Structure formats: structure tokens, C-alpha cells
mmCIF file of all heavy atoms, coordinates in Angstrom:
data_MODEL
# 
_entry.id   MODEL 
# 
loop_
_atom_site.group_PDB 
_atom_site.id 
_atom_site.type_symbol 
_atom_site.label_atom_id 
_atom_site.label_alt_id 
_atom_site.label_comp_id 
_atom_site.label_asym_id 
_atom_site.label_entity_id 
_atom_site.label_seq_id 
_atom_site.pdbx_PDB_ins_code 
_atom_site.Cartn_x 
_atom_site.Cartn_y 
_atom_site.Cartn_z 
_atom_site.occupancy 
_atom_site.B_iso_or_equiv 
_atom_site.pdbx_formal_charge 
_atom_site.auth_seq_id 
_atom_site.auth_comp_id 
_atom_site.auth_asym_id 
_atom_site.auth_atom_id 
_atom_site.pdbx_PDB_model_num 
ATOM 1   N N   . HIS A 1 1  ? -5.832  -2.145  3.793  1.00 0.00 ? 1  HIS A N   1 
ATOM 2   C CA  . HIS A 1 1  ? -5.042  -2.745  2.717  1.00 0.00 ? 1  HIS A CA  1 
ATOM 3   C C   . HIS A 1 1  ? -3.652  -3.161  3.204  1.00 0.00 ? 1  HIS A C   1 
ATOM 4   O O   . HIS A 1 1  ? -3.123  -4.168  2.741  1.00 0.00 ? 1  HIS A O   1 
ATOM 5   C CB  . HIS A 1 1  ? -4.962  -1.758  1.541  1.00 0.00 ? 1  HIS A CB  1 
ATOM 6   C CG  . HIS A 1 1  ? -6.264  -1.606  0.809  1.00 0.00 ? 1  HIS A CG  1 
ATOM 7   N ND1 . HIS A 1 1  ? -6.632  -2.402  -0.226 1.00 0.00 ? 1  HIS A ND1 1 
ATOM 8   C CD2 . HIS A 1 1  ? -7.293  -0.744  1.014  1.00 0.00 ? 1  HIS A CD2 1 
ATOM 9   C CE1 . HIS A 1 1  ? -7.835  -2.053  -0.661 1.00 0.00 ? 1  HIS A CE1 1 
ATOM 10  N NE2 . HIS A 1 1  ? -8.258  -1.049  0.080  1.00 0.00 ? 1  HIS A NE2 1 
ATOM 11  N N   . ARG A 1 2  ? -3.090  -2.393  4.146  1.00 0.00 ? 2  ARG A N   1 
ATOM 12  C CA  . ARG A 1 2  ? -1.807  -2.801  4.728  1.00 0.00 ? 2  ARG A CA  1 
ATOM 13  C C   . ARG A 1 2  ? -1.950  -4.110  5.490  1.00 0.00 ? 2  ARG A C   1 
ATOM 14  O O   . ARG A 1 2  ? -1.091  -4.994  5.374  1.00 0.00 ? 2  ARG A O   1 
ATOM 15  C CB  . ARG A 1 2  ? -1.286  -1.690  5.655  1.00 0.00 ? 2  ARG A CB  1 
ATOM 16  C CG  . ARG A 1 2  ? -0.029  -2.096  6.401  1.00 0.00 ? 2  ARG A CG  1 
ATOM 17  C CD  . ARG A 1 2  ? 0.483   -0.958  7.297  1.00 0.00 ? 2  ARG A CD  1 
ATOM 18  N NE  . ARG A 1 2  ? -0.547  -0.442  8.185  1.00 0.00 ? 2  ARG A NE  1 
ATOM 19  C CZ  . ARG A 1 2  ? -0.956  -1.044  9.302  1.00 0.00 ? 2  ARG A CZ  1 
ATOM 20  N NH1 . ARG A 1 2  ? -0.435  -2.184  9.688  1.00 0.00 ? 2  ARG A NH1 1 
ATOM 21  N NH2 . ARG A 1 2  ? -1.900  -0.476  10.055 1.00 0.00 ? 2  ARG A NH2 1 
ATOM 22  N N   . LEU A 1 3  ? -3.027  -4.264  6.243  1.00 0.00 ? 3  LEU A N   1 
ATOM 23  C CA  . LEU A 1 3  ? -3.241  -5.494  6.995  1.00 0.00 ? 3  LEU A CA  1 
ATOM 24  C C   . LEU A 1 3  ? -3.388  -6.702  6.088  1.00 0.00 ? 3  LEU A C   1 
ATOM 25  O O   . LEU A 1 3  ? -2.968  -7.819  6.440  1.00 0.00 ? 3  LEU A O   1 
ATOM 26  C CB  . LEU A 1 3  ? -4.507  -5.344  7.872  1.00 0.00 ? 3  LEU A CB  1 
ATOM 27  C CG  . LEU A 1 3  ? -4.337  -4.498  9.137  1.00 0.00 ? 3  LEU A CG  1 
ATOM 28  C CD1 . LEU A 1 3  ? -5.712  -4.195  9.733  1.00 0.00 ? 3  LEU A CD1 1 
ATOM 29  C CD2 . LEU A 1 3  ? -3.468  -5.212  10.157 1.00 0.00 ? 3  LEU A CD2 1 
ATOM 30  N N   . LEU A 1 4  ? -3.970  -6.501  4.914  1.00 0.00 ? 4  LEU A N   1 
ATOM 31  C CA  . LEU A 1 4  ? -4.058  -7.594  3.951  1.00 0.00 ? 4  LEU A CA  1 
ATOM 32  C C   . LEU A 1 4  ? -2.672  -8.099  3.584  1.00 0.00 ? 4  LEU A C   1 
ATOM 33  O O   . LEU A 1 4  ? -2.420  -9.323  3.542  1.00 0.00 ? 4  LEU A O   1 
ATOM 34  C CB  . LEU A 1 4  ? -4.802  -7.149  2.703  1.00 0.00 ? 4  LEU A CB  1 
ATOM 35  C CG  . LEU A 1 4  ? -6.315  -6.885  2.849  1.00 0.00 ? 4  LEU A CG  1 
ATOM 36  C CD1 . LEU A 1 4  ? -6.880  -6.344  1.546  1.00 0.00 ? 4  LEU A CD1 1 
ATOM 37  C CD2 . LEU A 1 4  ? -7.075  -8.146  3.253  1.00 0.00 ? 4  LEU A CD2 1 
ATOM 38  N N   . SER A 1 5  ? -1.756  -7.169  3.311  1.00 0.00 ? 5  SER A N   1 
ATOM 39  C CA  . SER A 1 5  ? -0.374  -7.564  2.970  1.00 0.00 ? 5  SER A CA  1 
ATOM 40  C C   . SER A 1 5  ? 0.315   -8.245  4.151  1.00 0.00 ? 5  SER A C   1 
ATOM 41  O O   . SER A 1 5  ? 1.000   -9.250  3.983  1.00 0.00 ? 5  SER A O   1 
ATOM 42  C CB  . SER A 1 5  ? 0.446   -6.347  2.540  1.00 0.00 ? 5  SER A CB  1 
ATOM 43  O OG  . SER A 1 5  ? -0.033  -5.784  1.342  1.00 0.00 ? 5  SER A OG  1 
ATOM 44  N N   . GLU A 1 6  ? 0.103   -7.700  5.333  1.00 0.00 ? 6  GLU A N   1 
ATOM 45  C CA  . GLU A 1 6  ? 0.746   -8.269  6.517  1.00 0.00 ? 6  GLU A CA  1 
ATOM 46  C C   . GLU A 1 6  ? 0.190   -9.655  6.842  1.00 0.00 ? 6  GLU A C   1 
ATOM 47  O O   . GLU A 1 6  ? 0.892   -10.507 7.391  1.00 0.00 ? 6  GLU A O   1 
ATOM 48  C CB  . GLU A 1 6  ? 0.561   -7.335  7.701  1.00 0.00 ? 6  GLU A CB  1 
ATOM 49  C CG  . GLU A 1 6  ? 1.357   -6.031  7.577  1.00 0.00 ? 6  GLU A CG  1 
ATOM 50  C CD  . GLU A 1 6  ? 1.121   -5.078  8.718  1.00 0.00 ? 6  GLU A CD  1 
ATOM 51  O OE1 . GLU A 1 6  ? 0.248   -5.379  9.589  1.00 0.00 ? 6  GLU A OE1 1 
ATOM 52  O OE2 . GLU A 1 6  ? 1.801   -4.037  8.776  1.00 0.00 ? 6  GLU A OE2 1 
ATOM 53  N N   . SER A 1 7  ? -1.057  -9.891  6.477  1.00 0.00 ? 7  SER A N   1 
ATOM 54  C CA  . SER A 1 7  ? -1.688  -11.185 6.798  1.00 0.00 ? 7  SER A CA  1 
ATOM 55  C C   . SER A 1 7  ? -1.038  -12.339 6.039  1.00 0.00 ? 7  SER A C   1 
ATOM 56  O O   . SER A 1 7  ? -1.185  -13.498 6.422  1.00 0.00 ? 7  SER A O   1 
ATOM 57  C CB  . SER A 1 7  ? -3.181  -11.130 6.492  1.00 0.00 ? 7  SER A CB  1 
ATOM 58  O OG  . SER A 1 7  ? -3.440  -11.200 5.103  1.00 0.00 ? 7  SER A OG  1 
ATOM 59  N N   . VAL A 1 8  ? -0.360  -12.003 4.924  1.00 0.00 ? 8  VAL A N   1 
ATOM 60  C CA  . VAL A 1 8  ? 0.342   -13.047 4.157  1.00 0.00 ? 8  VAL A CA  1 
ATOM 61  C C   . VAL A 1 8  ? 1.845   -12.794 4.157  1.00 0.00 ? 8  VAL A C   1 
ATOM 62  O O   . VAL A 1 8  ? 2.565   -13.274 3.282  1.00 0.00 ? 8  VAL A O   1 
ATOM 63  C CB  . VAL A 1 8  ? -0.227  -13.131 2.729  1.00 0.00 ? 8  VAL A CB  1 
ATOM 64  C CG1 . VAL A 1 8  ? -1.632  -13.666 2.761  1.00 0.00 ? 8  VAL A CG1 1 
ATOM 65  C CG2 . VAL A 1 8  ? -0.203  -11.774 2.039  1.00 0.00 ? 8  VAL A CG2 1 
ATOM 66  N N   . ALA A 1 9  ? 2.310   -12.040 5.153  1.00 0.00 ? 9  ALA A N   1 
ATOM 67  C CA  . ALA A 1 9  ? 3.744   -11.789 5.331  1.00 0.00 ? 9  ALA A CA  1 
ATOM 68  C C   . ALA A 1 9  ? 4.395   -11.209 4.074  1.00 0.00 ? 9  ALA A C   1 
ATOM 69  O O   . ALA A 1 9  ? 5.467   -11.673 3.647  1.00 0.00 ? 9  ALA A O   1 
ATOM 70  C CB  . ALA A 1 9  ? 4.460   -13.063 5.772  1.00 0.00 ? 9  ALA A CB  1 
ATOM 71  N N   . LEU A 1 10 ? 3.739   -10.179 3.508  1.00 0.00 ? 10 LEU A N   1 
ATOM 72  C CA  . LEU A 1 10 ? 4.288   -9.493  2.336  1.00 0.00 ? 10 LEU A CA  1 
ATOM 73  C C   . LEU A 1 10 ? 4.434   -7.988  2.614  1.00 0.00 ? 10 LEU A C   1 
ATOM 74  O O   . LEU A 1 10 ? 3.860   -7.168  1.897  1.00 0.00 ? 10 LEU A O   1 
ATOM 75  C CB  . LEU A 1 10 ? 3.381   -9.734  1.105  1.00 0.00 ? 10 LEU A CB  1 
ATOM 76  C CG  . LEU A 1 10 ? 3.284   -11.162 0.591  1.00 0.00 ? 10 LEU A CG  1 
ATOM 77  C CD1 . LEU A 1 10 ? 2.244   -11.271 -0.511 1.00 0.00 ? 10 LEU A CD1 1 
ATOM 78  C CD2 . LEU A 1 10 ? 4.649   -11.628 0.073  1.00 0.00 ? 10 LEU A CD2 1 
ATOM 79  N N   . PRO A 1 11 ? 5.215   -7.615  3.627  1.00 0.00 ? 11 PRO A N   1 
ATOM 80  C CA  . PRO A 1 11 ? 5.335   -6.190  3.956  1.00 0.00 ? 11 PRO A CA  1 
ATOM 81  C C   . PRO A 1 11 ? 5.992   -5.386  2.848  1.00 0.00 ? 11 PRO A C   1 
ATOM 82  O O   . PRO A 1 11 ? 5.672   -4.208  2.655  1.00 0.00 ? 11 PRO A O   1 
ATOM 83  C CB  . PRO A 1 11 ? 6.181   -6.192  5.224  1.00 0.00 ? 11 PRO A CB  1 
ATOM 84  C CG  . PRO A 1 11 ? 6.962   -7.474  5.178  1.00 0.00 ? 11 PRO A CG  1 
ATOM 85  C CD  . PRO A 1 11 ? 6.031   -8.457  4.524  1.00 0.00 ? 11 PRO A CD  1 
ATOM 86  N N   . ARG A 1 12 ? 6.907   -5.992  2.091  1.00 0.00 ? 12 ARG A N   1 
ATOM 87  C CA  . ARG A 1 12 ? 7.551   -5.240  1.005  1.00 0.00 ? 12 ARG A CA  1 
ATOM 88  C C   . ARG A 1 12 ? 6.580   -4.970  -0.141 1.00 0.00 ? 12 ARG A C   1 
ATOM 89  O O   . ARG A 1 12 ? 6.680   -3.943  -0.822 1.00 0.00 ? 12 ARG A O   1 
ATOM 90  C CB  . ARG A 1 12 ? 8.792   -5.985  0.514  1.00 0.00 ? 12 ARG A CB  1 
ATOM 91  C CG  . ARG A 1 12 ? 9.972   -5.800  1.448  1.00 0.00 ? 12 ARG A CG  1 
ATOM 92  C CD  . ARG A 1 12 ? 11.239  -6.425  0.902  1.00 0.00 ? 12 ARG A CD  1 
ATOM 93  N NE  . ARG A 1 12 ? 11.135  -7.891  0.881  1.00 0.00 ? 12 ARG A NE  1 
ATOM 94  C CZ  . ARG A 1 12 ? 12.129  -8.701  0.559  1.00 0.00 ? 12 ARG A CZ  1 
ATOM 95  N NH1 . ARG A 1 12 ? 13.308  -8.204  0.186  1.00 0.00 ? 12 ARG A NH1 1 
ATOM 96  N NH2 . ARG A 1 12 ? 11.981  -10.012 0.569  1.00 0.00 ? 12 ARG A NH2 1 
ATOM 97  N N   . ALA A 1 13 ? 5.619   -5.885  -0.319 1.00 0.00 ? 13 ALA A N   1 
ATOM 98  C CA  . ALA A 1 13 ? 4.590   -5.633  -1.332 1.00 0.00 ? 13 ALA A CA  1 
ATOM 99  C C   . ALA A 1 13 ? 3.774   -4.393  -0.958 1.00 0.00 ? 13 ALA A C   1 
ATOM 100 O O   . ALA A 1 13 ? 3.471   -3.562  -1.801 1.00 0.00 ? 13 ALA A O   1 
ATOM 101 C CB  . ALA A 1 13 ? 3.678   -6.852  -1.473 1.00 0.00 ? 13 ALA A CB  1 
ATOM 102 N N   . TRP A 1 14 ? 3.475   -4.274  0.330  1.00 0.00 ? 14 TRP A N   1 
ATOM 103 C CA  . TRP A 1 14 ? 2.722   -3.091  0.764  1.00 0.00 ? 14 TRP A CA  1 
ATOM 104 C C   . TRP A 1 14 ? 3.561   -1.823  0.600  1.00 0.00 ? 14 TRP A C   1 
ATOM 105 O O   . TRP A 1 14 ? 3.057   -0.799  0.160  1.00 0.00 ? 14 TRP A O   1 
ATOM 106 C CB  . TRP A 1 14 ? 2.266   -3.215  2.215  1.00 0.00 ? 14 TRP A CB  1 
ATOM 107 C CG  . TRP A 1 14 ? 1.742   -1.913  2.733  1.00 0.00 ? 14 TRP A CG  1 
ATOM 108 C CD1 . TRP A 1 14 ? 2.295   -1.101  3.682  1.00 0.00 ? 14 TRP A CD1 1 
ATOM 109 C CD2 . TRP A 1 14 ? 0.566   -1.245  2.265  1.00 0.00 ? 14 TRP A CD2 1 
ATOM 110 N NE1 . TRP A 1 14 ? 1.543   0.029   3.837  1.00 0.00 ? 14 TRP A NE1 1 
ATOM 111 C CE2 . TRP A 1 14 ? 0.473   -0.020  2.972  1.00 0.00 ? 14 TRP A CE2 1 
ATOM 112 C CE3 . TRP A 1 14 ? -0.412  -1.554  1.322  1.00 0.00 ? 14 TRP A CE3 1 
ATOM 113 C CZ2 . TRP A 1 14 ? -0.564  0.880   2.788  1.00 0.00 ? 14 TRP A CZ2 1 
ATOM 114 C CZ3 . TRP A 1 14 ? -1.448  -0.650  1.101  1.00 0.00 ? 14 TRP A CZ3 1 
ATOM 115 C CH2 . TRP A 1 14 ? -1.511  0.547   1.824  1.00 0.00 ? 14 TRP A CH2 1 
ATOM 116 N N   . ARG A 1 15 ? 4.861   -1.906  0.939  1.00 0.00 ? 15 ARG A N   1 
ATOM 117 C CA  . ARG A 1 15 ? 5.694   -0.733  0.774  1.00 0.00 ? 15 ARG A CA  1 
ATOM 118 C C   . ARG A 1 15 ? 5.785   -0.319  -0.708 1.00 0.00 ? 15 ARG A C   1 
ATOM 119 O O   . ARG A 1 15 ? 5.855   0.873   -1.011 1.00 0.00 ? 15 ARG A O   1 
ATOM 120 C CB  . ARG A 1 15 ? 7.109   -1.010  1.343  1.00 0.00 ? 15 ARG A CB  1 
ATOM 121 C CG  . ARG A 1 15 ? 7.125   -1.088  2.878  1.00 0.00 ? 15 ARG A CG  1 
ATOM 122 C CD  . ARG A 1 15 ? 8.528   -0.903  3.431  1.00 0.00 ? 15 ARG A CD  1 
ATOM 123 N NE  . ARG A 1 15 ? 9.414   -1.991  3.071  1.00 0.00 ? 15 ARG A NE  1 
ATOM 124 C CZ  . ARG A 1 15 ? 9.526   -3.131  3.779  1.00 0.00 ? 15 ARG A CZ  1 
ATOM 125 N NH1 . ARG A 1 15 ? 8.805   -3.302  4.862  1.00 0.00 ? 15 ARG A NH1 1 
ATOM 126 N NH2 . ARG A 1 15 ? 10.395  -4.055  3.406  1.00 0.00 ? 15 ARG A NH2 1 
ATOM 127 N N   . MET A 1 16 ? 5.784   -1.291  -1.595 1.00 0.00 ? 16 MET A N   1 
ATOM 128 C CA  . MET A 1 16 ? 5.787   -0.976  -3.023 1.00 0.00 ? 16 MET A CA  1 
ATOM 129 C C   . MET A 1 16 ? 4.504   -0.281  -3.432 1.00 0.00 ? 16 MET A C   1 
ATOM 130 O O   . MET A 1 16 ? 4.508   0.702   -4.180 1.00 0.00 ? 16 MET A O   1 
ATOM 131 C CB  . MET A 1 16 ? 5.998   -2.241  -3.841 1.00 0.00 ? 16 MET A CB  1 
ATOM 132 C CG  . MET A 1 16 ? 6.147   -1.990  -5.344 1.00 0.00 ? 16 MET A CG  1 
ATOM 133 S SD  . MET A 1 16 ? 6.468   -3.516  -6.285 1.00 0.00 ? 16 MET A SD  1 
ATOM 134 C CE  . MET A 1 16 ? 8.078   -3.936  -5.619 1.00 0.00 ? 16 MET A CE  1 
ATOM 135 N N   . ILE A 1 17 ? 3.381   -0.786  -2.942 1.00 0.00 ? 17 ILE A N   1 
ATOM 136 C CA  . ILE A 1 17 ? 2.093   -0.148  -3.226 1.00 0.00 ? 17 ILE A CA  1 
ATOM 137 C C   . ILE A 1 17 ? 2.074   1.277   -2.685 1.00 0.00 ? 17 ILE A C   1 
ATOM 138 O O   . ILE A 1 17 ? 1.718   2.230   -3.395 1.00 0.00 ? 17 ILE A O   1 
ATOM 139 C CB  . ILE A 1 17 ? 0.927   -0.942  -2.611 1.00 0.00 ? 17 ILE A CB  1 
ATOM 140 C CG1 . ILE A 1 17 ? 0.790   -2.298  -3.303 1.00 0.00 ? 17 ILE A CG1 1 
ATOM 141 C CG2 . ILE A 1 17 ? -0.389  -0.175  -2.722 1.00 0.00 ? 17 ILE A CG2 1 
ATOM 142 C CD1 . ILE A 1 17 ? -0.145  -3.268  -2.604 1.00 0.00 ? 17 ILE A CD1 1 
ATOM 143 N N   . LYS A 1 18 ? 2.520   1.435   -1.465 1.00 0.00 ? 18 LYS A N   1 
ATOM 144 C CA  . LYS A 1 18 ? 2.491   2.758   -0.830 1.00 0.00 ? 18 LYS A CA  1 
ATOM 145 C C   . LYS A 1 18 ? 3.413   3.743   -1.538 1.00 0.00 ? 18 LYS A C   1 
ATOM 146 O O   . LYS A 1 18 ? 3.105   4.935   -1.621 1.00 0.00 ? 18 LYS A O   1 
ATOM 147 C CB  . LYS A 1 18 ? 2.877   2.635   0.642  1.00 0.00 ? 18 LYS A CB  1 
ATOM 148 C CG  . LYS A 1 18 ? 2.688   3.925   1.438  1.00 0.00 ? 18 LYS A CG  1 
ATOM 149 C CD  . LYS A 1 18 ? 2.874   3.682   2.902  1.00 0.00 ? 18 LYS A CD  1 
ATOM 150 C CE  . LYS A 1 18 ? 2.792   4.993   3.697  1.00 0.00 ? 18 LYS A CE  1 
ATOM 151 N NZ  . LYS A 1 18 ? 1.512   5.693   3.509  1.00 0.00 ? 18 LYS A NZ  1 
ATOM 152 N N   . SER A 1 19 ? 4.520   3.253   -2.089 1.00 0.00 ? 19 SER A N   1 
ATOM 153 C CA  . SER A 1 19 ? 5.467   4.162   -2.753 1.00 0.00 ? 19 SER A CA  1 
ATOM 154 C C   . SER A 1 19 ? 4.903   4.799   -3.993 1.00 0.00 ? 19 SER A C   1 
ATOM 155 O O   . SER A 1 19 ? 5.406   5.855   -4.434 1.00 0.00 ? 19 SER A O   1 
ATOM 156 C CB  . SER A 1 19 ? 6.766   3.390   -3.100 1.00 0.00 ? 19 SER A CB  1 
ATOM 157 O OG  . SER A 1 19 ? 6.541   2.507   -4.189 1.00 0.00 ? 19 SER A OG  1 
ATOM 158 N N   . VAL A 1 20 ? 3.845   4.207   -4.585 1.00 0.00 ? 20 VAL A N   1 
ATOM 159 C CA  . VAL A 1 20 ? 3.264   4.788   -5.802 1.00 0.00 ? 20 VAL A CA  1 
ATOM 160 C C   . VAL A 1 20 ? 1.887   5.388   -5.526 1.00 0.00 ? 20 VAL A C   1 
ATOM 161 O O   . VAL A 1 20 ? 1.215   5.865   -6.455 1.00 0.00 ? 20 VAL A O   1 
ATOM 162 C CB  . VAL A 1 20 ? 3.137   3.729   -6.930 1.00 0.00 ? 20 VAL A CB  1 
ATOM 163 C CG1 . VAL A 1 20 ? 4.511   3.197   -7.295 1.00 0.00 ? 20 VAL A CG1 1 
ATOM 164 C CG2 . VAL A 1 20 ? 2.197   2.602   -6.559 1.00 0.00 ? 20 VAL A CG2 1 
ATOM 165 N N   . MET A 1 21 ? 1.468   5.380   -4.261 1.00 0.00 ? 21 MET A N   1 
ATOM 166 C CA  . MET A 1 21 ? 0.097   5.775   -3.956 1.00 0.00 ? 21 MET A CA  1 
ATOM 167 C C   . MET A 1 21 ? -0.082  7.282   -3.779 1.00 0.00 ? 21 MET A C   1 
ATOM 168 O O   . MET A 1 21 ? -1.222  7.752   -3.655 1.00 0.00 ? 21 MET A O   1 
ATOM 169 C CB  . MET A 1 21 ? -0.370  5.074   -2.673 1.00 0.00 ? 21 MET A CB  1 
ATOM 170 C CG  . MET A 1 21 ? -0.760  3.610   -2.897 1.00 0.00 ? 21 MET A CG  1 
ATOM 171 S SD  . MET A 1 21 ? -2.265  3.422   -3.856 1.00 0.00 ? 21 MET A SD  1 
ATOM 172 C CE  . MET A 1 21 ? -3.466  3.948   -2.643 1.00 0.00 ? 21 MET A CE  1 
ATOM 173 N N   . GLY A 1 22 ? 1.004   8.061   -3.767 1.00 0.00 ? 22 GLY A N   1 
ATOM 174 C CA  . GLY A 1 22 ? 0.896   9.493   -3.478 1.00 0.00 ? 22 GLY A CA  1 
ATOM 175 C C   . GLY A 1 22 ? -0.058  10.194  -4.417 1.00 0.00 ? 22 GLY A C   1 
ATOM 176 O O   . GLY A 1 22 ? -0.958  10.928  -3.990 1.00 0.00 ? 22 GLY A O   1 
ATOM 177 N N   . GLN A 1 23 ? 0.126   9.988   -5.728 1.00 0.00 ? 23 GLN A N   1 
ATOM 178 C CA  . GLN A 1 23 ? -0.769  10.655  -6.683 1.00 0.00 ? 23 GLN A CA  1 
ATOM 179 C C   . GLN A 1 23 ? -2.198  10.161  -6.542 1.00 0.00 ? 23 GLN A C   1 
ATOM 180 O O   . GLN A 1 23 ? -3.146  10.953  -6.593 1.00 0.00 ? 23 GLN A O   1 
ATOM 181 C CB  . GLN A 1 23 ? -0.266  10.411  -8.116 1.00 0.00 ? 23 GLN A CB  1 
ATOM 182 C CG  . GLN A 1 23 ? 1.126   10.969  -8.407 1.00 0.00 ? 23 GLN A CG  1 
ATOM 183 C CD  . GLN A 1 23 ? 1.130   12.479  -8.587 1.00 0.00 ? 23 GLN A CD  1 
ATOM 184 O OE1 . GLN A 1 23 ? 0.247   13.208  -8.099 1.00 0.00 ? 23 GLN A OE1 1 
ATOM 185 N NE2 . GLN A 1 23 ? 2.123   12.994  -9.274 1.00 0.00 ? 23 GLN A NE2 1 
ATOM 186 N N   . LEU A 1 24 ? -2.364  8.832   -6.341 1.00 0.00 ? 24 LEU A N   1 
ATOM 187 C CA  . LEU A 1 24 ? -3.719  8.297   -6.173 1.00 0.00 ? 24 LEU A CA  1 
ATOM 188 C C   . LEU A 1 24 ? -4.394  8.838   -4.914 1.00 0.00 ? 24 LEU A C   1 
ATOM 189 O O   . LEU A 1 24 ? -5.577  9.159   -4.937 1.00 0.00 ? 24 LEU A O   1 
ATOM 190 C CB  . LEU A 1 24 ? -3.655  6.760   -6.081 1.00 0.00 ? 24 LEU A CB  1 
ATOM 191 C CG  . LEU A 1 24 ? -3.845  5.927   -7.346 1.00 0.00 ? 24 LEU A CG  1 
ATOM 192 C CD1 . LEU A 1 24 ? -3.677  4.473   -7.016 1.00 0.00 ? 24 LEU A CD1 1 
ATOM 193 C CD2 . LEU A 1 24 ? -5.198  6.180   -7.971 1.00 0.00 ? 24 LEU A CD2 1 
ATOM 194 N N   . ASP A 1 25 ? -3.633  8.936   -3.842 1.00 0.00 ? 25 ASP A N   1 
ATOM 195 C CA  . ASP A 1 25 ? -4.230  9.356   -2.563 1.00 0.00 ? 25 ASP A CA  1 
ATOM 196 C C   . ASP A 1 25 ? -4.768  10.780  -2.620 1.00 0.00 ? 25 ASP A C   1 
ATOM 197 O O   . ASP A 1 25 ? -5.782  11.089  -1.987 1.00 0.00 ? 25 ASP A O   1 
ATOM 198 C CB  . ASP A 1 25 ? -3.205  9.213   -1.415 1.00 0.00 ? 25 ASP A CB  1 
ATOM 199 C CG  . ASP A 1 25 ? -3.019  7.791   -0.975 1.00 0.00 ? 25 ASP A CG  1 
ATOM 200 O OD1 . ASP A 1 25 ? -3.862  6.960   -1.316 1.00 0.00 ? 25 ASP A OD1 1 
ATOM 201 O OD2 . ASP A 1 25 ? -2.042  7.500   -0.279 1.00 0.00 ? 25 ASP A OD2 1 
ATOM 202 N N   . ARG A 1 26 ? -4.094  11.651  -3.368 1.00 0.00 ? 26 ARG A N   1 
ATOM 203 C CA  . ARG A 1 26 ? -4.611  13.016  -3.474 1.00 0.00 ? 26 ARG A CA  1 
ATOM 204 C C   . ARG A 1 26 ? -5.983  13.021  -4.138 1.00 0.00 ? 26 ARG A C   1 
ATOM 205 O O   . ARG A 1 26 ? -6.855  13.809  -3.770 1.00 0.00 ? 26 ARG A O   1 
ATOM 206 C CB  . ARG A 1 26 ? -3.634  13.904  -4.246 1.00 0.00 ? 26 ARG A CB  1 
ATOM 207 C CG  . ARG A 1 26 ? -2.385  14.250  -3.451 1.00 0.00 ? 26 ARG A CG  1 
ATOM 208 C CD  . ARG A 1 26 ? -1.691  15.444  -4.046 1.00 0.00 ? 26 ARG A CD  1 
ATOM 209 N NE  . ARG A 1 26 ? -0.942  15.096  -5.247 1.00 0.00 ? 26 ARG A NE  1 
ATOM 210 C CZ  . ARG A 1 26 ? -0.287  15.999  -5.990 1.00 0.00 ? 26 ARG A CZ  1 
ATOM 211 N NH1 . ARG A 1 26 ? -0.343  17.279  -5.669 1.00 0.00 ? 26 ARG A NH1 1 
ATOM 212 N NH2 . ARG A 1 26 ? 0.403   15.603  -7.042 1.00 0.00 ? 26 ARG A NH2 1 
ATOM 213 N N   . VAL A 1 27 ? -6.173  12.124  -5.088 1.00 0.00 ? 27 VAL A N   1 
ATOM 214 C CA  . VAL A 1 27 ? -7.469  12.039  -5.765 1.00 0.00 ? 27 VAL A CA  1 
ATOM 215 C C   . VAL A 1 27 ? -8.488  11.362  -4.847 1.00 0.00 ? 27 VAL A C   1 
ATOM 216 O O   . VAL A 1 27 ? -9.624  11.827  -4.725 1.00 0.00 ? 27 VAL A O   1 
ATOM 217 C CB  . VAL A 1 27 ? -7.345  11.263  -7.092 1.00 0.00 ? 27 VAL A CB  1 
ATOM 218 C CG1 . VAL A 1 27 ? -8.670  11.294  -7.838 1.00 0.00 ? 27 VAL A CG1 1 
ATOM 219 C CG2 . VAL A 1 27 ? -6.245  11.881  -7.960 1.00 0.00 ? 27 VAL A CG2 1 
ATOM 220 N N   . ARG A 1 28 ? -8.062  10.279  -4.205 1.00 0.00 ? 28 ARG A N   1 
ATOM 221 C CA  . ARG A 1 28 ? -8.971  9.528   -3.352 1.00 0.00 ? 28 ARG A CA  1 
ATOM 222 C C   . ARG A 1 28 ? -9.490  10.406  -2.207 1.00 0.00 ? 28 ARG A C   1 
ATOM 223 O O   . ARG A 1 28 ? -10.668 10.279  -1.808 1.00 0.00 ? 28 ARG A O   1 
ATOM 224 C CB  . ARG A 1 28 ? -8.262  8.292   -2.765 1.00 0.00 ? 28 ARG A CB  1 
ATOM 225 C CG  . ARG A 1 28 ? -8.042  7.209   -3.815 1.00 0.00 ? 28 ARG A CG  1 
ATOM 226 C CD  . ARG A 1 28 ? -7.146  6.096   -3.290 1.00 0.00 ? 28 ARG A CD  1 
ATOM 227 N NE  . ARG A 1 28 ? -7.668  5.490   -2.096 1.00 0.00 ? 28 ARG A NE  1 
ATOM 228 C CZ  . ARG A 1 28 ? -7.006  5.419   -0.944 1.00 0.00 ? 28 ARG A CZ  1 
ATOM 229 N NH1 . ARG A 1 28 ? -5.784  5.943   -0.839 1.00 0.00 ? 28 ARG A NH1 1 
ATOM 230 N NH2 . ARG A 1 28 ? -7.543  4.854   0.093  1.00 0.00 ? 28 ARG A NH2 1 
ATOM 231 N N   . TYR A 1 29 ? -8.668  11.303  -1.689 1.00 0.00 ? 29 TYR A N   1 
ATOM 232 C CA  . TYR A 1 29 ? -9.128  12.123  -0.590 1.00 0.00 ? 29 TYR A CA  1 
ATOM 233 C C   . TYR A 1 29 ? -10.215 13.102  -1.024 1.00 0.00 ? 29 TYR A C   1 
ATOM 234 O O   . TYR A 1 29 ? -11.099 13.435  -0.231 1.00 0.00 ? 29 TYR A O   1 
ATOM 235 C CB  . TYR A 1 29 ? -7.954  12.910  0.019  1.00 0.00 ? 29 TYR A CB  1 
ATOM 236 C CG  . TYR A 1 29 ? -8.327  13.567  1.330  1.00 0.00 ? 29 TYR A CG  1 
ATOM 237 C CD1 . TYR A 1 29 ? -8.508  12.760  2.471  1.00 0.00 ? 29 TYR A CD1 1 
ATOM 238 C CD2 . TYR A 1 29 ? -8.495  14.926  1.435  1.00 0.00 ? 29 TYR A CD2 1 
ATOM 239 C CE1 . TYR A 1 29 ? -8.856  13.349  3.689  1.00 0.00 ? 29 TYR A CE1 1 
ATOM 240 C CE2 . TYR A 1 29 ? -8.868  15.510  2.634  1.00 0.00 ? 29 TYR A CE2 1 
ATOM 241 C CZ  . TYR A 1 29 ? -9.032  14.706  3.769  1.00 0.00 ? 29 TYR A CZ  1 
ATOM 242 O OH  . TYR A 1 29 ? -9.398  15.277  4.945  1.00 0.00 ? 29 TYR A OH  1 
# 
């Protein structure tokens, strides 16, 4: 998913996604 953001030069979009992913990641794991 990070590579998708980088492929369109949107690194800050990925950082925004990652900043809210903590709660989701605990469930996904």
C-alpha cells in the first residue's frame, strides 16, 4: 500500500494513512 502512494508521488498521503492505522493494524494482525 505504501508503494501505491509512492507510485503517484503522494508520500504524505501514505503518512496520513499510516498515522491512523494503529488501531486497525492490531485487528488486522
